[in-house]
Amino acid sequence: MRTIVVAVLLSCLLAIQGCGASSVNRQLAKFADDNIQKATMLYTVFVALNRYTGPANAEELKEFFATNEKAQKGLRNLGMSASNIDEYLVSPRDNEPYEFRWSAKISPVAGPYPVAFETVGVDGIRLVGFAGGEIIEVDNEEEYQDLLAGKHSKKNPEEQRREDEGL
């Protein structure tokens, strides 16, 4: 999983820089075809350009993309637009704004970290978006609250191996 996180962060940086083949940009744009994925990508791009620290709130996130040309270029390469950020921050499933783990510190070599959360969801299932791209469905309130609080069991492969071996 650590490889996926590093690959997505690296791909975001390449998209921002305008490096790499246009096929990389097409792959990333295809990835970001749902609002929770777009919200997660917004957060991930912000983190990649801000010393691996997430925004303090939605206003900081919006202001960053409204004023930072490098971030705007990254969004365009992802098939997104800074003018649509308000739209990306709302779940089309429940029409509620996503909740975020504001100011999270995310290491590019750590395991996946939950950053975007549906607040209501549909039929008792809420989506949670992880930095690096994974989206999961959560139907258990305790698990949801743990993820929202930053307590999650997803570990990078090395941490999981050590835990499994009792080290």
C-alpha atoms as a PDB file:
ATOM      1  CA  MET A   1       0.000   0.000   0.000  1.00  0.00           C
ATOM      2  CA  ARG A   2       2.926   2.343   0.695  1.00  0.00           C
ATOM      3  CA  THR A   3       3.898   1.964  -2.954  1.00  0.00           C
ATOM      4  CA  ILE A   4       0.445   3.160  -4.025  1.00  0.00           C
ATOM      5  CA  VAL A   5       0.620   6.221  -1.760  1.00  0.00           C
ATOM      6  CA  VAL A   6       4.091   7.134  -3.014  1.00  0.00           C
ATOM      7  CA  ALA A   7       3.045   6.504  -6.631  1.00  0.00           C
ATOM      8  CA  VAL A   8      -0.044   8.709  -6.363  1.00  0.00           C
ATOM      9  CA  LEU A   9       1.879  11.507  -4.616  1.00  0.00           C
ATOM     10  CA  LEU A  10       4.624  11.260  -7.238  1.00  0.00           C
ATOM     11  CA  SER A  11       2.034  11.260 -10.016  1.00  0.00           C
ATOM     12  CA  CYS A  12       0.404  14.341  -8.469  1.00  0.00           C
ATOM     13  CA  LEU A  13       3.750  16.084  -8.397  1.00  0.00           C
ATOM     14  CA  LEU A  14       4.415  15.104 -12.018  1.00  0.00           C
ATOM     15  CA  ALA A  15       0.971  16.380 -13.010  1.00  0.00           C
ATOM     16  CA  ILE A  16       1.648  19.634 -11.190  1.00  0.00           C
ATOM     17  CA  GLN A  17       5.024  20.016 -12.863  1.00  0.00           C
ATOM     18  CA  GLY A  18       3.592  19.087 -16.236  1.00  0.00           C
ATOM     19  CA  CYS A  19       6.110  16.245 -16.549  1.00  0.00           C
ATOM     20  CA  GLY A  20       5.449  12.840 -17.956  1.00  0.00           C
ATOM     21  CA  ALA A  21       3.405  11.621 -20.833  1.00  0.00           C
ATOM     22  CA  SER A  22      -0.129  12.834 -21.359  1.00  0.00           C
ATOM     23  CA  SER A  23      -1.205   9.234 -20.696  1.00  0.00           C
ATOM     24  CA  VAL A  24      -0.218   9.756 -17.043  1.00  0.00           C
ATOM     25  CA  ASN A  25      -2.507  12.785 -16.905  1.00  0.00           C
ATOM     26  CA  ARG A  26      -5.317  10.797 -18.572  1.00  0.00           C
ATOM     27  CA  GLN A  27      -4.904   7.999 -16.011  1.00  0.00           C
ATOM     28  CA  LEU A  28      -5.059  10.491 -13.133  1.00  0.00           C
ATOM     29  CA  ALA A  29      -8.072  12.257 -14.648  1.00  0.00           C
ATOM     30  CA  LYS A  30      -9.834   8.900 -14.968  1.00  0.00           C
ATOM     31  CA  PHE A  31      -9.035   8.195 -11.319  1.00  0.00           C
ATOM     32  CA  ALA A  32     -10.616  11.493 -10.257  1.00  0.00           C
ATOM     33  CA  ASP A  33     -14.019  10.857 -11.830  1.00  0.00           C
ATOM     34  CA  ASP A  34     -16.061  10.904  -8.604  1.00  0.00           C
ATOM     35  CA  ASN A  35     -16.351  13.773  -6.146  1.00  0.00           C
ATOM     36  CA  ILE A  36     -14.842  11.913  -3.196  1.00  0.00           C
ATOM     37  CA  GLN A  37     -11.885  11.000  -5.377  1.00  0.00           C
ATOM     38  CA  LYS A  38     -11.653  14.628  -6.500  1.00  0.00           C
ATOM     39  CA  ALA A  39     -11.867  15.854  -2.901  1.00  0.00           C
ATOM     40  CA  THR A  40      -9.174  13.361  -1.911  1.00  0.00           C
ATOM     41  CA  MET A  41      -6.993  14.473  -4.843  1.00  0.00           C
ATOM     42  CA  LEU A  42      -7.433  18.142  -3.841  1.00  0.00           C
ATOM     43  CA  TYR A  43      -6.217  17.261  -0.384  1.00  0.00           C
ATOM     44  CA  THR A  44      -3.353  15.146  -1.746  1.00  0.00           C
ATOM     45  CA  VAL A  45      -2.144  17.877  -4.126  1.00  0.00           C
ATOM     46  CA  PHE A  46      -2.304  20.420  -1.290  1.00  0.00           C
ATOM     47  CA  VAL A  47      -0.269  18.079   0.927  1.00  0.00           C
ATOM     48  CA  ALA A  48       2.293  17.441  -1.821  1.00  0.00           C
ATOM     49  CA  LEU A  49       2.899  21.188  -2.222  1.00  0.00           C
ATOM     50  CA  ASN A  50       2.795  22.083   1.488  1.00  0.00           C
ATOM     51  CA  ARG A  51       5.416  19.980   3.263  1.00  0.00           C
ATOM     52  CA  TYR A  52       3.048  17.022   3.617  1.00  0.00           C
ATOM     53  CA  THR A  53       0.625  18.923   5.842  1.00  0.00           C
ATOM     54  CA  GLY A  54      -3.057  19.219   5.008  1.00  0.00           C
ATOM     55  CA  PRO A  55      -5.009  22.469   4.922  1.00  0.00           C
ATOM     56  CA  ALA A  56      -6.385  23.880   8.180  1.00  0.00           C
ATOM     57  CA  ASN A  57      -9.911  24.257   6.756  1.00  0.00           C
ATOM     58  CA  ALA A  58     -11.962  24.436   3.552  1.00  0.00           C
ATOM     59  CA  GLU A  59     -11.231  28.142   3.124  1.00  0.00           C
ATOM     60  CA  GLU A  60      -7.470  27.522   3.107  1.00  0.00           C
ATOM     61  CA  LEU A  61      -7.914  24.691   0.590  1.00  0.00           C
ATOM     62  CA  LYS A  62     -10.035  26.868  -1.719  1.00  0.00           C
ATOM     63  CA  GLU A  63      -7.738  29.886  -1.403  1.00  0.00           C
ATOM     64  CA  PHE A  64      -4.701  27.738  -2.185  1.00  0.00           C
ATOM     65  CA  PHE A  65      -6.179  26.474  -5.444  1.00  0.00           C
ATOM     66  CA  ALA A  66      -7.574  29.908  -6.342  1.00  0.00           C
ATOM     67  CA  THR A  67      -4.164  31.590  -6.034  1.00  0.00           C
ATOM     68  CA  ASN A  68      -1.485  28.965  -6.676  1.00  0.00           C
ATOM     69  CA  GLU A  69      -0.728  28.606 -10.390  1.00  0.00           C
ATOM     70  CA  LYS A  70       1.244  25.401  -9.909  1.00  0.00           C
ATOM     71  CA  ALA A  71      -1.718  23.817  -8.073  1.00  0.00           C
ATOM     72  CA  GLN A  72      -4.128  25.027 -10.768  1.00  0.00           C
ATOM     73  CA  LYS A  73      -1.945  23.436 -13.434  1.00  0.00           C
ATOM     74  CA  GLY A  74      -1.966  20.205 -11.446  1.00  0.00           C
ATOM     75  CA  LEU A  75      -5.760  20.287 -11.320  1.00  0.00           C
ATOM     76  CA  ARG A  76      -5.999  20.857 -15.061  1.00  0.00           C
ATOM     77  CA  ASN A  77      -3.705  17.876 -15.623  1.00  0.00           C
ATOM     78  CA  LEU A  78      -6.072  15.847 -13.446  1.00  0.00           C
ATOM     79  CA  GLY A  79      -9.070  16.945 -15.534  1.00  0.00           C
ATOM     80  CA  MET A  80     -10.274  19.238 -12.745  1.00  0.00           C
ATOM     81  CA  SER A  81     -10.776  23.003 -12.448  1.00  0.00           C
ATOM     82  CA  ALA A  82     -10.135  25.393  -9.572  1.00  0.00           C
ATOM     83  CA  SER A  83     -13.454  27.058 -10.406  1.00  0.00           C
ATOM     84  CA  ASN A  84     -15.306  23.836  -9.489  1.00  0.00           C
ATOM     85  CA  ILE A  85     -13.794  23.244  -6.048  1.00  0.00           C
ATOM     86  CA  ASP A  86     -17.055  23.921  -4.194  1.00  0.00           C
ATOM     87  CA  GLU A  87     -18.692  21.189  -6.292  1.00  0.00           C
ATOM     88  CA  TYR A  88     -15.883  18.700  -5.569  1.00  0.00           C
ATOM     89  CA  LEU A  89     -16.294  19.192  -1.799  1.00  0.00           C
ATOM     90  CA  VAL A  90     -19.913  17.941  -1.760  1.00  0.00           C
ATOM     91  CA  SER A  91     -21.025  14.328  -1.975  1.00  0.00           C
ATOM     92  CA  PRO A  92     -23.464  13.758  -4.849  1.00  0.00           C
ATOM     93  CA  ARG A  93     -24.749  10.724  -2.943  1.00  0.00           C
ATOM     94  CA  ASP A  94     -26.102  12.635   0.076  1.00  0.00           C
ATOM     95  CA  ASN A  95     -25.676  16.266  -1.084  1.00  0.00           C
ATOM     96  CA  GLU A  96     -23.711  17.064   2.081  1.00  0.00           C
ATOM     97  CA  PRO A  97     -20.227  18.582   2.262  1.00  0.00           C
ATOM     98  CA  TYR A  98     -17.432  16.122   2.921  1.00  0.00           C
ATOM     99  CA  GLU A  99     -15.751  16.279   6.280  1.00  0.00           C
ATOM    100  CA  PHE A 100     -11.951  16.338   6.283  1.00  0.00           C
ATOM    101  CA  ARG A 101      -9.084  15.608   8.658  1.00  0.00           C
ATOM    102  CA  TRP A 102      -7.837  19.178   8.638  1.00  0.00           C
ATOM    103  CA  SER A 103      -4.140  19.897   9.209  1.00  0.00           C
ATOM    104  CA  ALA A 104      -3.191  16.225   8.990  1.00  0.00           C
ATOM    105  CA  LYS A 105       0.505  15.484   8.574  1.00  0.00           C
ATOM    106  CA  ILE A 106       0.900  12.817   5.906  1.00  0.00           C
ATOM    107  CA  SER A 107       4.207  11.123   5.240  1.00  0.00           C
ATOM    108  CA  PRO A 108       4.657  10.012   1.639  1.00  0.00           C
ATOM    109  CA  VAL A 109       6.096   6.725   2.912  1.00  0.00           C
ATOM    110  CA  ALA A 110       3.426   5.991   5.530  1.00  0.00           C
ATOM    111  CA  GLY A 111       0.428   3.775   5.064  1.00  0.00           C
ATOM    112  CA  PRO A 112      -2.805   5.191   3.670  1.00  0.00           C
ATOM    113  CA  TYR A 113      -4.359   7.967   5.742  1.00  0.00           C
ATOM    114  CA  PRO A 114      -8.100   8.800   5.763  1.00  0.00           C
ATOM    115  CA  VAL A 115      -8.734  12.422   4.754  1.00  0.00           C
ATOM    116  CA  ALA A 116     -12.236  12.820   3.231  1.00  0.00           C
ATOM    117  CA  PHE A 117     -15.473  11.524   4.735  1.00  0.00           C
ATOM    118  CA  GLU A 118     -19.090  11.413   3.659  1.00  0.00           C
ATOM    119  CA  THR A 119     -21.124  12.750   6.567  1.00  0.00           C
ATOM    120  CA  VAL A 120     -24.442  10.998   5.863  1.00  0.00           C
ATOM    121  CA  GLY A 121     -23.921   8.510   3.041  1.00  0.00           C
ATOM    122  CA  VAL A 122     -26.588   6.283   1.539  1.00  0.00           C
ATOM    123  CA  ASP A 123     -28.385   3.356   3.175  1.00  0.00           C
ATOM    124  CA  GLY A 124     -26.064   3.397   6.184  1.00  0.00           C
ATOM    125  CA  ILE A 125     -22.908   3.300   4.055  1.00  0.00           C
ATOM    126  CA  ARG A 126     -20.474   6.227   4.031  1.00  0.00           C
ATOM    127  CA  LEU A 127     -17.486   6.619   1.744  1.00  0.00           C
ATOM    128  CA  VAL A 128     -14.063   7.462   3.154  1.00  0.00           C
ATOM    129  CA  GLY A 129     -11.249   8.704   0.919  1.00  0.00           C
ATOM    130  CA  PHE A 130      -7.608   8.045   1.769  1.00  0.00           C
ATOM    131  CA  ALA A 131      -4.623  10.153   0.745  1.00  0.00           C
ATOM    132  CA  GLY A 132      -3.122   8.173  -2.070  1.00  0.00           C
ATOM    133  CA  GLY A 133      -6.445   7.333  -3.624  1.00  0.00           C
ATOM    134  CA  GLU A 134      -8.143   4.436  -1.878  1.00  0.00           C
ATOM    135  CA  ILE A 135     -11.888   4.863  -1.312  1.00  0.00           C
ATOM    136  CA  ILE A 136     -13.668   2.511   1.108  1.00  0.00           C
ATOM    137  CA  GLU A 137     -17.256   2.002   2.171  1.00  0.00           C
ATOM    138  CA  VAL A 138     -17.915   2.090   5.912  1.00  0.00           C
ATOM    139  CA  ASP A 139     -21.143   0.852   7.464  1.00  0.00           C
ATOM    140  CA  ASN A 140     -19.943   0.589  11.063  1.00  0.00           C
ATOM    141  CA  GLU A 141     -20.245   3.733  13.204  1.00  0.00           C
ATOM    142  CA  GLU A 142     -17.326   2.849  15.478  1.00  0.00           C
ATOM    143  CA  GLU A 143     -15.012   2.229  12.519  1.00  0.00           C
ATOM    144  CA  TYR A 144     -16.161   5.478  10.908  1.00  0.00           C
ATOM    145  CA  GLN A 145     -15.485   7.467  14.081  1.00  0.00           C
ATOM    146  CA  ASP A 146     -12.057   5.845  14.453  1.00  0.00           C
ATOM    147  CA  LEU A 147     -11.165   6.777  10.866  1.00  0.00           C
ATOM    148  CA  LEU A 148     -12.466  10.293  11.394  1.00  0.00           C
ATOM    149  CA  ALA A 149     -10.320  10.608  14.528  1.00  0.00           C
ATOM    150  CA  GLY A 150      -7.255   9.409  12.617  1.00  0.00           C
ATOM    151  CA  LYS A 151      -7.237   6.021  14.337  1.00  0.00           C
ATOM    152  CA  HIS A 152      -7.023   3.500  11.575  1.00  0.00           C
ATOM    153  CA  SER A 153      -5.599   0.042  11.185  1.00  0.00           C
ATOM    154  CA  LYS A 154      -4.163   0.478   7.708  1.00  0.00           C
ATOM    155  CA  LYS A 155      -0.407   0.214   7.982  1.00  0.00           C
ATOM    156  CA  ASN A 156       2.334   0.241   5.467  1.00  0.00           C
ATOM    157  CA  PRO A 157       3.530  -3.279   4.540  1.00  0.00           C
ATOM    158  CA  GLU A 158       6.660  -3.165   6.726  1.00  0.00           C
ATOM    159  CA  GLU A 159       4.701  -2.109   9.837  1.00  0.00           C
ATOM    160  CA  GLN A 160       2.140  -4.851   9.188  1.00  0.00           C
ATOM    161  CA  ARG A 161       4.874  -7.487   8.735  1.00  0.00           C
ATOM    162  CA  ARG A 162       6.533  -6.502  12.042  1.00  0.00           C
ATOM    163  CA  GLU A 163       3.191  -6.578  13.835  1.00  0.00           C
ATOM    164  CA  ASP A 164       2.311  -9.975  12.345  1.00  0.00           C
ATOM    165  CA  GLU A 165       5.689 -11.370  13.429  1.00  0.00           C
ATOM    166  CA  GLY A 166       5.366  -9.907  16.918  1.00  0.00           C
ATOM    167  CA  LEU A 167       8.385  -7.628  16.540  1.00  0.00           C
END
